[in-house]
Amino acid sequence: MALAMSAACPGAATAAPHHKHTQVGTASYYSHRFAGRKTASGARMSPSKMTAASKTLPLGTRAKVTNLNTGKSVAVTVNDRGPYAKRRVIDVSPRAAEVLDMKDDGVAPVKVEPLGTAK
């Protein structure tokens, strides 16, 4: 497993205190074309699972993602790195995007609240 680190977010691969704070920004979701590909955690991307990619949250972190337009929320597990588009804070799986009611638009303003690590 490769650790993603950057000057903008030192310690990105560890659970530094700033990772415990809520993030607000834009979410997007993985295309079905990524189904079956390996994620940063080594797991295969599954469109039906409640997973996500984050640049800053440690792999294995559970997070509550809330669509600020609809108020709908979902709990996801971070198993990949990304998103790499500017101003995006998280990419969610297609199933999580359905629950968040963001598939039609492809993106949504969200709040991301870390819940802890997956067991």
Protein backbone atom coordinates (compact mmCIF):
# COMPACT_ATOMS: atom_id res chain seq x y z
CA MET A 1 0.00 0.00 0.00
CA ALA A 2 1.43 3.35 -1.01
CA LEU A 3 1.05 6.25 1.39
CA ALA A 4 -0.19 9.50 -0.08
CA MET A 5 1.52 12.55 1.39
CA SER A 6 1.63 16.14 0.25
CA ALA A 7 3.05 19.46 1.35
CA ALA A 8 -0.49 20.84 1.59
CA CYS A 9 -1.48 18.12 4.05
CA PRO A 10 1.54 16.89 6.00
CA GLY A 11 0.92 13.59 7.72
CA ALA A 12 -1.92 12.73 5.35
CA ALA A 13 -1.25 9.03 5.86
CA THR A 14 -1.68 9.22 9.63
CA ALA A 15 -4.59 10.14 11.85
CA ALA A 16 -3.43 13.66 12.61
CA PRO A 17 -5.80 15.80 14.71
CA HIS A 18 -7.05 17.81 11.70
CA HIS A 19 -8.52 14.59 10.24
CA LYS A 20 -11.05 14.51 13.06
CA HIS A 21 -12.70 17.72 11.90
CA THR A 22 -15.66 18.11 9.62
CA GLN A 23 -14.95 19.03 6.00
CA VAL A 24 -17.34 20.92 3.75
CA GLY A 25 -16.93 20.92 -0.01
CA THR A 26 -18.06 19.13 -3.15
CA ALA A 27 -18.51 15.38 -3.57
CA SER A 28 -18.49 13.44 -6.79
CA TYR A 29 -18.89 9.73 -7.38
CA TYR A 30 -16.98 6.92 -9.03
CA SER A 31 -18.07 5.85 -12.47
CA HIS A 32 -19.10 2.21 -12.92
CA ARG A 33 -16.08 1.88 -15.24
CA PHE A 34 -13.90 1.64 -12.11
CA ALA A 35 -15.75 -1.47 -10.90
CA GLY A 36 -13.32 -4.25 -10.04
CA ARG A 37 -10.22 -2.06 -10.05
CA LYS A 38 -7.96 -2.13 -7.02
CA THR A 39 -8.28 0.76 -4.59
CA ALA A 40 -5.47 2.19 -2.45
CA SER A 41 -6.49 -0.19 0.35
CA GLY A 42 -6.09 -3.19 -1.96
CA ALA A 43 -9.83 -3.91 -2.05
CA ARG A 44 -11.63 -4.04 -5.38
CA MET A 45 -13.98 -1.14 -6.14
CA SER A 46 -17.56 -2.32 -5.82
CA PRO A 47 -20.33 0.01 -7.06
CA SER A 48 -22.76 -1.52 -4.55
CA LYS A 49 -20.66 -0.95 -1.40
CA MET A 50 -20.71 2.15 0.79
CA THR A 51 -17.13 3.28 0.16
CA ALA A 52 -15.31 6.49 -0.65
CA ALA A 53 -12.03 8.09 -1.65
CA SER A 54 -10.45 10.89 0.37
CA LYS A 55 -7.17 12.76 0.04
CA THR A 56 -6.90 13.43 3.77
CA LEU A 57 -8.82 10.84 5.79
CA PRO A 58 -6.83 7.72 6.66
CA LEU A 59 -7.76 4.50 4.88
CA GLY A 60 -10.29 2.58 6.96
CA THR A 61 -11.95 5.71 8.34
CA ARG A 62 -15.73 5.60 8.58
CA ALA A 63 -17.34 8.92 7.74
CA LYS A 64 -20.82 10.35 7.58
CA VAL A 65 -21.40 12.19 4.30
CA THR A 66 -24.38 14.57 4.17
CA ASN A 67 -25.72 16.11 0.96
CA LEU A 68 -26.25 19.75 1.93
CA ASN A 69 -28.91 20.19 -0.79
CA THR A 70 -31.13 17.32 0.36
CA GLY A 71 -30.10 16.62 3.96
CA LYS A 72 -29.65 12.93 3.08
CA SER A 73 -26.72 11.16 4.76
CA VAL A 74 -24.79 7.94 4.37
CA ALA A 75 -21.94 6.26 6.28
CA VAL A 76 -19.01 5.24 4.07
CA THR A 77 -15.62 3.64 4.61
CA VAL A 78 -12.59 5.33 3.04
CA ASN A 79 -10.73 2.72 0.99
CA ASP A 80 -9.15 4.84 -1.74
CA ARG A 81 -7.32 8.11 -2.46
CA GLY A 82 -8.81 11.00 -4.38
CA PRO A 83 -10.69 12.90 -5.63
CA TYR A 84 -8.23 14.75 -7.80
CA ALA A 85 -10.57 17.41 -9.16
CA LYS A 86 -10.20 20.84 -7.56
CA ARG A 87 -12.49 21.71 -4.65
CA ARG A 88 -13.73 18.15 -4.23
CA VAL A 89 -13.36 16.66 -0.78
CA ILE A 90 -14.65 13.12 -1.36
CA ASP A 91 -15.61 10.64 -4.08
CA VAL A 92 -18.32 8.16 -3.12
CA SER A 93 -19.37 4.85 -4.63
CA PRO A 94 -22.35 4.79 -7.00
CA ARG A 95 -24.51 3.17 -4.28
CA ALA A 96 -23.63 5.91 -1.79
CA ALA A 97 -24.35 8.52 -4.49
CA GLU A 98 -27.83 7.01 -4.95
CA VAL A 99 -28.56 7.26 -1.22
CA LEU A 100 -27.28 10.85 -1.21
CA ASP A 101 -29.54 11.62 -4.21
CA MET A 102 -26.66 13.08 -6.24
CA LYS A 103 -26.40 10.72 -9.22
CA ASP A 104 -28.37 12.94 -11.62
CA ASP A 105 -26.14 15.98 -11.04
CA GLY A 106 -22.93 13.98 -10.54
CA VAL A 107 -21.72 16.32 -7.80
CA ALA A 108 -23.20 17.79 -4.63
CA PRO A 109 -22.18 20.09 -1.79
CA VAL A 110 -21.47 17.89 1.23
CA LYS A 111 -20.37 17.80 4.82
CA VAL A 112 -17.98 14.97 5.72
CA GLU A 113 -17.79 13.98 9.39
CA PRO A 114 -15.25 11.33 10.43
CA LEU A 115 -16.80 8.69 12.72
CA GLY A 116 -13.72 6.60 13.53
CA THR A 117 -12.07 3.60 11.95
CA ALA A 118 -13.84 0.56 10.51
CA LYS A 119 -13.69 -2.62 12.54
